[in-house]
Amino acid sequence: MKSIVWLFSIFISFGALGTEQELQPTKSGLYDVGGFKLYLECYENDKPQLILEQGFGLSGSDGVWLKNIKRLKNDFSVCLYDRAGLGKSEKGPVPFTVNDMSRRLRNLLQAANVKSPYYFAGHSYGSYIINSYNNLFPKEVLGAVLIDPPTFGYFYTMGTRWPKELKTDNKQLLRQMNFELTVLDPLFEKVPEKVDHMKSYKELKNASTFGSKPLITVRAKNTDKRYDPPFVPDEIAQKMDDLDSNADGYFKSLSKNSKIVYSESEKHFLHIHDSDLVVKSIKELVSK
């Protein structure tokens, strides 16, 4: 993991990076999930159902996935959506947790008559929602691809690794500390999704594994670089480094049928920058 990539991916939406207008959904619109509506878009056929999850603050309706959907539609019936307050979806009650997001997704799929069971593919934070969905509704999950996901505890570590007594004149260090501590405030104004990360951590801490379901983790190229910039003291940086060094072990432990593959790209948005590997990995779910 690289600090600057993860930090900026929390707050910045890529927007429509590669819209393919000629691919038309078979189903699209807003569906009530319990007092508010979420936007769903599907490219349906008689193939196994695939649900695509986006990274933090990003929306499925931005068009980024369409090129990949064109390559997947012969193997899957594909749906993607916008979480509450993002893209074309309405805002719902805030703050919310990762389990709330999973329940909202389930309500959305049921309202739109998208029948289970499902394969999932999720980028970055989307992996947390997939993990939650599998924990809450295990019979509805067939397998998953996690695309450059943060290991479990990433956001929790951001909010807990900074000593309360820390005093420094280093403006860069103060800026990073104050930024990371915003995860403790789910209603922080500039955060696109009002997630209670600390409560979500507790919800996933003892989550069930995927059992023997196929699980493929696609990670960005391992550069062996330190997670934090040099100005972060070693005793603070070590917690993130430990989390990163144990990541492969964590992802392998999620399923008895687990596989980890590394991209040649160092980019975080691998479904854009290494779409061949991502598409190949998703297709592998139905061949395992």
C-alpha atoms as a PDB file:
ATOM      1  CA  MET A   1       0.000   0.000   0.000  1.00  0.00           C
ATOM      2  CA  LYS A   2       1.033   3.566  -0.578  1.00  0.00           C
ATOM      3  CA  SER A   3      -0.127   6.294   1.758  1.00  0.00           C
ATOM      4  CA  ILE A   4      -0.806   8.981  -0.818  1.00  0.00           C
ATOM      5  CA  VAL A   5      -2.836   6.643  -3.047  1.00  0.00           C
ATOM      6  CA  TRP A   6      -5.070   5.411  -0.264  1.00  0.00           C
ATOM      7  CA  LEU A   7      -5.570   8.857   1.249  1.00  0.00           C
ATOM      8  CA  PHE A   8      -6.606  10.571  -1.940  1.00  0.00           C
ATOM      9  CA  SER A   9      -8.785   7.666  -3.057  1.00  0.00           C
ATOM     10  CA  ILE A  10     -10.884   8.244   0.068  1.00  0.00           C
ATOM     11  CA  PHE A  11     -11.902  11.768  -0.950  1.00  0.00           C
ATOM     12  CA  ILE A  12     -11.697  11.947  -4.734  1.00  0.00           C
ATOM     13  CA  SER A  13     -14.132  10.556  -7.249  1.00  0.00           C
ATOM     14  CA  PHE A  14     -12.712   9.764 -10.655  1.00  0.00           C
ATOM     15  CA  GLY A  15     -15.985  10.676 -12.352  1.00  0.00           C
ATOM     16  CA  ALA A  16     -16.643   9.197 -15.762  1.00  0.00           C
ATOM     17  CA  LEU A  17     -13.192   8.051 -16.784  1.00  0.00           C
ATOM     18  CA  GLY A  18     -14.199   5.987 -19.764  1.00  0.00           C
ATOM     19  CA  THR A  19     -17.886   5.946 -20.628  1.00  0.00           C
ATOM     20  CA  GLU A  20     -19.005   3.529 -23.330  1.00  0.00           C
ATOM     21  CA  GLN A  21     -22.350   4.857 -24.505  1.00  0.00           C
ATOM     22  CA  GLU A  22     -23.164   1.986 -26.880  1.00  0.00           C
ATOM     23  CA  LEU A  23     -23.648  -0.521 -24.041  1.00  0.00           C
ATOM     24  CA  GLN A  24     -27.218  -0.147 -22.812  1.00  0.00           C
ATOM     25  CA  PRO A  25     -28.532  -1.520 -19.508  1.00  0.00           C
ATOM     26  CA  THR A  26     -31.445  -3.936 -19.492  1.00  0.00           C
ATOM     27  CA  LYS A  27     -32.582  -2.412 -16.226  1.00  0.00           C
ATOM     28  CA  SER A  28     -31.828   0.923 -14.556  1.00  0.00           C
ATOM     29  CA  GLY A  29     -33.506   3.190 -12.065  1.00  0.00           C
ATOM     30  CA  LEU A  30     -34.139   4.096  -8.447  1.00  0.00           C
ATOM     31  CA  TYR A  31     -35.487   1.502  -6.032  1.00  0.00           C
ATOM     32  CA  ASP A  32     -36.737   1.992  -2.491  1.00  0.00           C
ATOM     33  CA  VAL A  33     -34.543   0.348   0.144  1.00  0.00           C
ATOM     34  CA  GLY A  34     -36.408   1.565   3.230  1.00  0.00           C
ATOM     35  CA  GLY A  35     -37.459   5.206   3.101  1.00  0.00           C
ATOM     36  CA  PHE A  36     -35.026   6.316   0.408  1.00  0.00           C
ATOM     37  CA  LYS A  37     -33.942   5.099  -3.011  1.00  0.00           C
ATOM     38  CA  LEU A  38     -30.725   3.717  -4.463  1.00  0.00           C
ATOM     39  CA  TYR A  39     -29.805   3.662  -8.138  1.00  0.00           C
ATOM     40  CA  LEU A  40     -29.236   0.262  -9.777  1.00  0.00           C
ATOM     41  CA  GLU A  41     -28.041  -0.546 -13.279  1.00  0.00           C
ATOM     42  CA  CYS A  42     -28.029  -4.065 -14.743  1.00  0.00           C
ATOM     43  CA  TYR A  43     -26.854  -5.792 -17.904  1.00  0.00           C
ATOM     44  CA  GLU A  44     -28.834  -8.993 -17.606  1.00  0.00           C
ATOM     45  CA  ASN A  45     -28.808 -12.354 -19.319  1.00  0.00           C
ATOM     46  CA  ASP A  46     -29.095 -16.003 -18.287  1.00  0.00           C
ATOM     47  CA  LYS A  47     -25.534 -16.200 -16.910  1.00  0.00           C
ATOM     48  CA  PRO A  48     -24.511 -16.227 -13.213  1.00  0.00           C
ATOM     49  CA  GLN A  49     -25.209 -12.962 -11.411  1.00  0.00           C
ATOM     50  CA  LEU A  50     -22.262 -10.626 -10.709  1.00  0.00           C
ATOM     51  CA  ILE A  51     -22.553  -7.594  -8.418  1.00  0.00           C
ATOM     52  CA  LEU A  52     -19.896  -4.874  -8.704  1.00  0.00           C
ATOM     53  CA  GLU A  53     -18.903  -2.832  -5.653  1.00  0.00           C
ATOM     54  CA  GLN A  54     -17.052   0.479  -5.852  1.00  0.00           C
ATOM     55  CA  GLY A  55     -14.339   2.028  -3.718  1.00  0.00           C
ATOM     56  CA  PHE A  56     -15.003   4.586  -1.012  1.00  0.00           C
ATOM     57  CA  GLY A  57     -16.902   7.626  -2.280  1.00  0.00           C
ATOM     58  CA  LEU A  58     -17.227   6.265  -5.821  1.00  0.00           C
ATOM     59  CA  SER A  59     -20.388   5.469  -7.761  1.00  0.00           C
ATOM     60  CA  GLY A  60     -21.195   2.604 -10.091  1.00  0.00           C
ATOM     61  CA  SER A  61     -23.023   4.909 -12.495  1.00  0.00           C
ATOM     62  CA  ASP A  62     -19.872   6.868 -13.408  1.00  0.00           C
ATOM     63  CA  GLY A  63     -19.226   4.651 -16.440  1.00  0.00           C
ATOM     64  CA  VAL A  64     -15.783   3.452 -15.381  1.00  0.00           C
ATOM     65  CA  TRP A  65     -16.780  -0.233 -15.398  1.00  0.00           C
ATOM     66  CA  LEU A  66     -18.541  -0.277 -18.780  1.00  0.00           C
ATOM     67  CA  LYS A  67     -15.540  -1.387 -20.829  1.00  0.00           C
ATOM     68  CA  ASN A  68     -15.044  -4.281 -18.449  1.00  0.00           C
ATOM     69  CA  ILE A  69     -18.742  -5.143 -18.441  1.00  0.00           C
ATOM     70  CA  LYS A  70     -18.590  -5.529 -22.230  1.00  0.00           C
ATOM     71  CA  ARG A  71     -15.918  -8.184 -21.677  1.00  0.00           C
ATOM     72  CA  LEU A  72     -17.801  -9.874 -18.839  1.00  0.00           C
ATOM     73  CA  LYS A  73     -21.348  -9.980 -20.196  1.00  0.00           C
ATOM     74  CA  ASN A  74     -20.859 -13.289 -22.011  1.00  0.00           C
ATOM     75  CA  ASP A  75     -20.003 -14.933 -18.687  1.00  0.00           C
ATOM     76  CA  PHE A  76     -22.110 -12.979 -16.198  1.00  0.00           C
ATOM     77  CA  SER A  77     -25.329 -11.086 -15.755  1.00  0.00           C
ATOM     78  CA  VAL A  78     -23.888  -7.873 -14.293  1.00  0.00           C
ATOM     79  CA  CYS A  79     -25.354  -5.298 -11.920  1.00  0.00           C
ATOM     80  CA  LEU A  80     -23.778  -2.278 -10.267  1.00  0.00           C
ATOM     81  CA  TYR A  81     -25.211   0.526  -8.171  1.00  0.00           C
ATOM     82  CA  ASP A  82     -24.635   3.774  -6.316  1.00  0.00           C
ATOM     83  CA  ARG A  83     -24.482   3.694  -2.544  1.00  0.00           C
ATOM     84  CA  ALA A  84     -26.464   6.221  -0.499  1.00  0.00           C
ATOM     85  CA  GLY A  85     -25.569   9.837  -1.235  1.00  0.00           C
ATOM     86  CA  LEU A  86     -23.402   8.951  -4.237  1.00  0.00           C
ATOM     87  CA  GLY A  87     -24.025   9.283  -7.961  1.00  0.00           C
ATOM     88  CA  LYS A  88     -27.721   9.011  -8.781  1.00  0.00           C
ATOM     89  CA  SER A  89     -28.795   7.597  -5.419  1.00  0.00           C
ATOM     90  CA  GLU A  90     -30.653   9.465  -2.722  1.00  0.00           C
ATOM     91  CA  LYS A  91     -29.197  10.220   0.669  1.00  0.00           C
ATOM     92  CA  GLY A  92     -30.240   7.993   3.532  1.00  0.00           C
ATOM     93  CA  PRO A  93     -29.903   8.205   7.306  1.00  0.00           C
ATOM     94  CA  VAL A  94     -26.404   8.981   8.564  1.00  0.00           C
ATOM     95  CA  PRO A  95     -24.074   7.841   9.953  1.00  0.00           C
ATOM     96  CA  PHE A  96     -24.185   4.222   8.857  1.00  0.00           C
ATOM     97  CA  THR A  97     -22.009   1.127   9.100  1.00  0.00           C
ATOM     98  CA  VAL A  98     -20.721  -1.486   6.707  1.00  0.00           C
ATOM     99  CA  ASN A  99     -23.526  -3.821   7.774  1.00  0.00           C
ATOM    100  CA  ASP A 100     -26.059  -1.097   7.016  1.00  0.00           C
ATOM    101  CA  MET A 101     -24.613  -0.850   3.505  1.00  0.00           C
ATOM    102  CA  SER A 102     -24.913  -4.609   3.027  1.00  0.00           C
ATOM    103  CA  ARG A 103     -28.531  -4.635   4.153  1.00  0.00           C
ATOM    104  CA  ARG A 104     -29.318  -1.709   1.860  1.00  0.00           C
ATOM    105  CA  LEU A 105     -27.737  -3.576  -1.040  1.00  0.00           C
ATOM    106  CA  ARG A 106     -29.807  -6.653  -0.287  1.00  0.00           C
ATOM    107  CA  ASN A 107     -32.982  -4.565  -0.132  1.00  0.00           C
ATOM    108  CA  LEU A 108     -32.037  -2.980  -3.456  1.00  0.00           C
ATOM    109  CA  LEU A 109     -31.440  -6.298  -5.199  1.00  0.00           C
ATOM    110  CA  GLN A 110     -34.691  -7.724  -3.864  1.00  0.00           C
ATOM    111  CA  ALA A 111     -36.654  -4.615  -4.864  1.00  0.00           C
ATOM    112  CA  ALA A 112     -35.241  -4.847  -8.388  1.00  0.00           C
ATOM    113  CA  ASN A 113     -35.889  -8.604  -8.565  1.00  0.00           C
ATOM    114  CA  VAL A 114     -32.201  -9.446  -9.019  1.00  0.00           C
ATOM    115  CA  LYS A 115     -32.206 -12.973  -7.696  1.00  0.00           C
ATOM    116  CA  SER A 116     -29.474 -14.536  -5.589  1.00  0.00           C
ATOM    117  CA  PRO A 117     -27.006 -16.183  -5.325  1.00  0.00           C
ATOM    118  CA  TYR A 118     -24.356 -13.700  -6.442  1.00  0.00           C
ATOM    119  CA  TYR A 119     -20.729 -13.452  -7.355  1.00  0.00           C
ATOM    120  CA  PHE A 120     -19.133 -10.201  -6.247  1.00  0.00           C
ATOM    121  CA  ALA A 121     -16.236  -8.078  -7.433  1.00  0.00           C
ATOM    122  CA  GLY A 122     -15.290  -5.049  -5.398  1.00  0.00           C
ATOM    123  CA  HIS A 123     -12.623  -2.396  -5.569  1.00  0.00           C
ATOM    124  CA  SER A 124     -10.858  -1.073  -2.465  1.00  0.00           C
ATOM    125  CA  TYR A 125     -13.397  -0.314   0.294  1.00  0.00           C
ATOM    126  CA  GLY A 126     -15.969  -2.321  -1.639  1.00  0.00           C
ATOM    127  CA  SER A 127     -14.225  -5.427  -0.315  1.00  0.00           C
ATOM    128  CA  TYR A 128     -15.438  -4.554   3.189  1.00  0.00           C
ATOM    129  CA  ILE A 129     -19.036  -4.533   1.975  1.00  0.00           C
ATOM    130  CA  ILE A 130     -18.557  -7.890   0.254  1.00  0.00           C
ATOM    131  CA  ASN A 131     -17.094  -9.320   3.450  1.00  0.00           C
ATOM    132  CA  SER A 132     -20.053  -7.973   5.402  1.00  0.00           C
ATOM    133  CA  TYR A 133     -22.592  -9.311   2.904  1.00  0.00           C
ATOM    134  CA  ASN A 134     -21.010 -12.754   3.060  1.00  0.00           C
ATOM    135  CA  ASN A 135     -21.115 -12.635   6.854  1.00  0.00           C
ATOM    136  CA  LEU A 136     -24.778 -11.587   7.018  1.00  0.00           C
ATOM    137  CA  PHE A 137     -26.139 -13.550   4.045  1.00  0.00           C
ATOM    138  CA  PRO A 138     -23.685 -16.400   3.353  1.00  0.00           C
ATOM    139  CA  LYS A 139     -26.122 -18.484   1.308  1.00  0.00           C
ATOM    140  CA  GLU A 140     -26.435 -15.638  -1.200  1.00  0.00           C
ATOM    141  CA  VAL A 141     -22.704 -15.411  -1.974  1.00  0.00           C
ATOM    142  CA  LEU A 142     -21.004 -17.735  -4.473  1.00  0.00           C
ATOM    143  CA  GLY A 143     -17.536 -16.171  -4.508  1.00  0.00           C
ATOM    144  CA  ALA A 144     -15.707 -12.891  -4.930  1.00  0.00           C
ATOM    145  CA  VAL A 145     -12.826 -10.954  -6.425  1.00  0.00           C
ATOM    146  CA  LEU A 146     -11.307  -8.267  -4.201  1.00  0.00           C
ATOM    147  CA  ILE A 147      -9.538  -5.580  -6.236  1.00  0.00           C
ATOM    148  CA  ASP A 148      -6.593  -3.987  -4.411  1.00  0.00           C
ATOM    149  CA  PRO A 149      -8.459  -4.066  -1.101  1.00  0.00           C
ATOM    150  CA  PRO A 150      -7.258  -2.526   2.141  1.00  0.00           C
ATOM    151  CA  THR A 151      -6.542  -5.226   4.668  1.00  0.00           C
ATOM    152  CA  PHE A 152      -8.915  -5.498   7.597  1.00  0.00           C
ATOM    153  CA  GLY A 153      -8.206  -2.846  10.217  1.00  0.00           C
ATOM    154  CA  TYR A 154      -6.926  -0.199   7.812  1.00  0.00           C
ATOM    155  CA  PHE A 155      -9.381   2.534   8.790  1.00  0.00           C
ATOM    156  CA  TYR A 156      -9.309   1.477  12.436  1.00  0.00           C
ATOM    157  CA  THR A 157      -5.524   1.827  12.443  1.00  0.00           C
ATOM    158  CA  MET A 158      -5.760   5.261  10.825  1.00  0.00           C
ATOM    159  CA  GLY A 159      -7.890   6.425  13.711  1.00  0.00           C
ATOM    160  CA  THR A 160      -6.035   4.764  16.574  1.00  0.00           C
ATOM    161  CA  ARG A 161      -2.314   4.850  15.820  1.00  0.00           C
ATOM    162  CA  TRP A 162      -1.728   8.502  16.735  1.00  0.00           C
ATOM    163  CA  PRO A 163      -0.644   9.167  20.352  1.00  0.00           C
ATOM    164  CA  LYS A 164      -2.984  11.595  22.102  1.00  0.00           C
ATOM    165  CA  GLU A 165       0.011  13.371  23.600  1.00  0.00           C
ATOM    166  CA  LEU A 166       1.734  13.868  20.235  1.00  0.00           C
ATOM    167  CA  LYS A 167       3.185  17.352  19.860  1.00  0.00           C
ATOM    168  CA  THR A 168       5.087  18.436  16.781  1.00  0.00           C
ATOM    169  CA  ASP A 169       5.999  21.497  14.741  1.00  0.00           C
ATOM    170  CA  ASN A 170       6.101  19.418  11.565  1.00  0.00           C
ATOM    171  CA  LYS A 171       3.213  20.753   9.484  1.00  0.00           C
ATOM    172  CA  GLN A 172       3.237  17.744   7.153  1.00  0.00           C
ATOM    173  CA  LEU A 173       2.945  15.349  10.073  1.00  0.00           C
ATOM    174  CA  LEU A 174       0.150  17.394  11.640  1.00  0.00           C
ATOM    175  CA  ARG A 175      -1.697  17.486   8.329  1.00  0.00           C
ATOM    176  CA  GLN A 176      -1.515  13.720   7.919  1.00  0.00           C
ATOM    177  CA  MET A 177      -2.501  13.065  11.526  1.00  0.00           C
ATOM    178  CA  ASN A 178      -5.500  15.398  11.353  1.00  0.00           C
ATOM    179  CA  PHE A 179      -6.557  13.864   8.058  1.00  0.00           C
ATOM    180  CA  GLU A 180      -6.407  10.303   9.352  1.00  0.00           C
ATOM    181  CA  LEU A 181      -8.225  11.189  12.559  1.00  0.00           C
ATOM    182  CA  THR A 182     -11.258  12.236  10.518  1.00  0.00           C
ATOM    183  CA  VAL A 183     -12.157   8.528  10.371  1.00  0.00           C
ATOM    184  CA  LEU A 184     -13.252   8.961  13.993  1.00  0.00           C
ATOM    185  CA  ASP A 185     -15.916  11.453  12.880  1.00  0.00           C
ATOM    186  CA  PRO A 186     -18.368   9.766  10.497  1.00  0.00           C
ATOM    187  CA  LEU A 187     -20.135  13.086   9.911  1.00  0.00           C
ATOM    188  CA  PHE A 188     -16.980  14.950   8.883  1.00  0.00           C
ATOM    189  CA  GLU A 189     -18.163  17.404   6.231  1.00  0.00           C
ATOM    190  CA  LYS A 190     -15.687  16.564   3.470  1.00  0.00           C
ATOM    191  CA  VAL A 191     -16.141  12.786   3.638  1.00  0.00           C
ATOM    192  CA  PRO A 192     -18.342  11.572   0.738  1.00  0.00           C
ATOM    193  CA  GLU A 193     -19.749   8.612   2.688  1.00  0.00           C
ATOM    194  CA  LYS A 194     -20.722   9.052   6.329  1.00  0.00           C
ATOM    195  CA  VAL A 195     -19.461   5.675   7.523  1.00  0.00           C
ATOM    196  CA  ASP A 196     -18.882   4.898  11.180  1.00  0.00           C
ATOM    197  CA  HIS A 197     -15.542   3.159  10.651  1.00  0.00           C
ATOM    198  CA  MET A 198     -14.993   2.272  14.297  1.00  0.00           C
ATOM    199  CA  LYS A 199     -18.367   0.560  14.632  1.00  0.00           C
ATOM    200  CA  SER A 200     -17.862  -1.112  11.255  1.00  0.00           C
ATOM    201  CA  TYR A 201     -14.556  -2.502  12.510  1.00  0.00           C
ATOM    202  CA  LYS A 202     -16.375  -4.183  15.391  1.00  0.00           C
ATOM    203  CA  GLU A 203     -19.004  -5.577  13.011  1.00  0.00           C
ATOM    204  CA  LEU A 204     -16.379  -7.243  10.823  1.00  0.00           C
ATOM    205  CA  LYS A 205     -13.916  -8.236  13.535  1.00  0.00           C
ATOM    206  CA  ASN A 206     -15.448 -11.675  13.999  1.00  0.00           C
ATOM    207  CA  ALA A 207     -17.024 -12.037  10.562  1.00  0.00           C
ATOM    208  CA  SER A 208     -17.340 -15.513   9.123  1.00  0.00           C
ATOM    209  CA  THR A 209     -14.950 -16.535   6.366  1.00  0.00           C
ATOM    210  CA  PHE A 210     -16.017 -17.457   2.844  1.00  0.00           C
ATOM    211  CA  GLY A 211     -15.597 -21.139   3.685  1.00  0.00           C
ATOM    212  CA  SER A 212     -14.650 -22.949   0.475  1.00  0.00           C
ATOM    213  CA  LYS A 213     -16.067 -20.333  -1.893  1.00  0.00           C
ATOM    214  CA  PRO A 214     -13.659 -19.078  -4.569  1.00  0.00           C
ATOM    215  CA  LEU A 215     -11.976 -15.868  -3.461  1.00  0.00           C
ATOM    216  CA  ILE A 216      -9.388 -14.070  -5.584  1.00  0.00           C
ATOM    217  CA  THR A 217      -7.525 -11.042  -4.272  1.00  0.00           C
ATOM    218  CA  VAL A 218      -5.937  -8.871  -6.960  1.00  0.00           C
ATOM    219  CA  ARG A 219      -3.281  -6.620  -5.455  1.00  0.00           C
ATOM    220  CA  ALA A 220      -1.204  -3.797  -6.901  1.00  0.00           C
ATOM    221  CA  LYS A 221       2.468  -4.487  -7.553  1.00  0.00           C
ATOM    222  CA  ASN A 222       4.445  -5.065  -4.379  1.00  0.00           C
ATOM    223  CA  THR A 223       7.185  -2.445  -4.247  1.00  0.00           C
ATOM    224  CA  ASP A 224       8.357  -3.099  -0.659  1.00  0.00           C
ATOM    225  CA  LYS A 225       8.151   0.622  -0.045  1.00  0.00           C
ATOM    226  CA  ARG A 226       7.301   1.964   3.366  1.00  0.00           C
ATOM    227  CA  TYR A 227       3.616   2.819   3.686  1.00  0.00           C
ATOM    228  CA  ASP A 228       4.163   6.240   5.223  1.00  0.00           C
ATOM    229  CA  PRO A 229       6.249   9.188   4.028  1.00  0.00           C
ATOM    230  CA  PRO A 230       9.588   9.721   5.811  1.00  0.00           C
ATOM    231  CA  PHE A 231       8.294  12.422   8.150  1.00  0.00           C
ATOM    232  CA  VAL A 232       6.088   9.923  10.039  1.00  0.00           C
ATOM    233  CA  PRO A 233       7.985   8.604  13.100  1.00  0.00           C
ATOM    234  CA  ASP A 234       8.897   4.912  13.003  1.00  0.00           C
ATOM    235  CA  GLU A 235       6.874   4.029  16.091  1.00  0.00           C
ATOM    236  CA  ILE A 236       3.721   5.405  14.442  1.00  0.00           C
ATOM    237  CA  ALA A 237       4.476   4.087  10.965  1.00  0.00           C
ATOM    238  CA  GLN A 238       5.152   0.578  12.256  1.00  0.00           C
ATOM    239  CA  LYS A 239       1.471  -0.139  12.853  1.00  0.00           C
ATOM    240  CA  MET A 240       0.608   0.411   9.199  1.00  0.00           C
ATOM    241  CA  ASP A 241       3.695  -1.471   8.046  1.00  0.00           C
ATOM    242  CA  ASP A 242       2.718  -4.449  10.197  1.00  0.00           C
ATOM    243  CA  LEU A 243      -0.794  -4.362   8.795  1.00  0.00           C
ATOM    244  CA  ASP A 244       0.545  -4.345   5.252  1.00  0.00           C
ATOM    245  CA  SER A 245       3.140  -7.067   5.832  1.00  0.00           C
ATOM    246  CA  ASN A 246       0.438  -9.387   7.176  1.00  0.00           C
ATOM    247  CA  ALA A 247      -2.039  -8.615   4.386  1.00  0.00           C
ATOM    248  CA  ASP A 248      -1.403 -11.708   2.261  1.00  0.00           C
ATOM    249  CA  GLY A 249      -1.916 -13.949   5.260  1.00  0.00           C
ATOM    250  CA  TYR A 250      -5.171 -12.203   6.046  1.00  0.00           C
ATOM    251  CA  PHE A 251      -6.556 -12.489   2.519  1.00  0.00           C
ATOM    252  CA  LYS A 252      -5.545 -16.159   2.284  1.00  0.00           C
ATOM    253  CA  SER A 253      -7.355 -16.859   5.546  1.00  0.00           C
ATOM    254  CA  LEU A 254     -10.677 -15.615   4.170  1.00  0.00           C
ATOM    255  CA  SER A 255     -11.328 -18.809   2.210  1.00  0.00           C
ATOM    256  CA  LYS A 256     -10.056 -22.364   1.865  1.00  0.00           C
ATOM    257  CA  ASN A 257     -10.248 -21.661  -1.864  1.00  0.00           C
ATOM    258  CA  SER A 258      -8.283 -18.407  -1.795  1.00  0.00           C
ATOM    259  CA  LYS A 259      -5.852 -17.056  -4.358  1.00  0.00           C
ATOM    260  CA  ILE A 260      -3.744 -13.889  -4.423  1.00  0.00           C
ATOM    261  CA  VAL A 261      -2.424 -12.399  -7.654  1.00  0.00           C
ATOM    262  CA  TYR A 262      -0.236  -9.347  -8.088  1.00  0.00           C
ATOM    263  CA  SER A 263      -0.532  -6.851 -10.906  1.00  0.00           C
ATOM    264  CA  GLU A 264       2.467  -5.362 -12.666  1.00  0.00           C
ATOM    265  CA  SER A 265       0.812  -1.996 -12.095  1.00  0.00           C
ATOM    266  CA  GLU A 266       1.396   0.023  -8.932  1.00  0.00           C
ATOM    267  CA  LYS A 267      -1.880   1.894  -9.485  1.00  0.00           C
ATOM    268  CA  HIS A 268      -4.729   1.484  -7.016  1.00  0.00           C
ATOM    269  CA  PHE A 269      -7.538   1.502  -9.597  1.00  0.00           C
ATOM    270  CA  LEU A 270      -6.615  -1.826 -11.165  1.00  0.00           C
ATOM    271  CA  HIS A 271      -9.980  -2.259 -12.905  1.00  0.00           C
ATOM    272  CA  ILE A 272      -8.814   0.729 -14.966  1.00  0.00           C
ATOM    273  CA  HIS A 273      -5.036   0.321 -15.088  1.00  0.00           C
ATOM    274  CA  ASP A 274      -4.872  -3.493 -15.329  1.00  0.00           C
ATOM    275  CA  SER A 275      -8.308  -4.407 -16.583  1.00  0.00           C
ATOM    276  CA  ASP A 276      -6.995  -7.552 -18.298  1.00  0.00           C
ATOM    277  CA  LEU A 277      -5.978  -9.080 -14.977  1.00  0.00           C
ATOM    278  CA  VAL A 278      -9.171  -7.980 -13.241  1.00  0.00           C
ATOM    279  CA  VAL A 279     -11.450  -9.340 -15.971  1.00  0.00           C
ATOM    280  CA  LYS A 280      -9.473 -12.587 -16.116  1.00  0.00           C
ATOM    281  CA  SER A 281      -9.759 -13.000 -12.342  1.00  0.00           C
ATOM    282  CA  ILE A 282     -13.508 -12.385 -12.341  1.00  0.00           C
ATOM    283  CA  LYS A 283     -14.032 -14.908 -15.137  1.00  0.00           C
ATOM    284  CA  GLU A 284     -11.987 -17.408 -13.162  1.00  0.00           C
ATOM    285  CA  LEU A 285     -14.688 -17.442 -10.479  1.00  0.00           C
ATOM    286  CA  VAL A 286     -16.993 -19.497 -12.685  1.00  0.00           C
ATOM    287  CA  SER A 287     -14.233 -21.866 -13.747  1.00  0.00           C
ATOM    288  CA  LYS A 288     -13.077 -22.750 -10.217  1.00  0.00           C
END
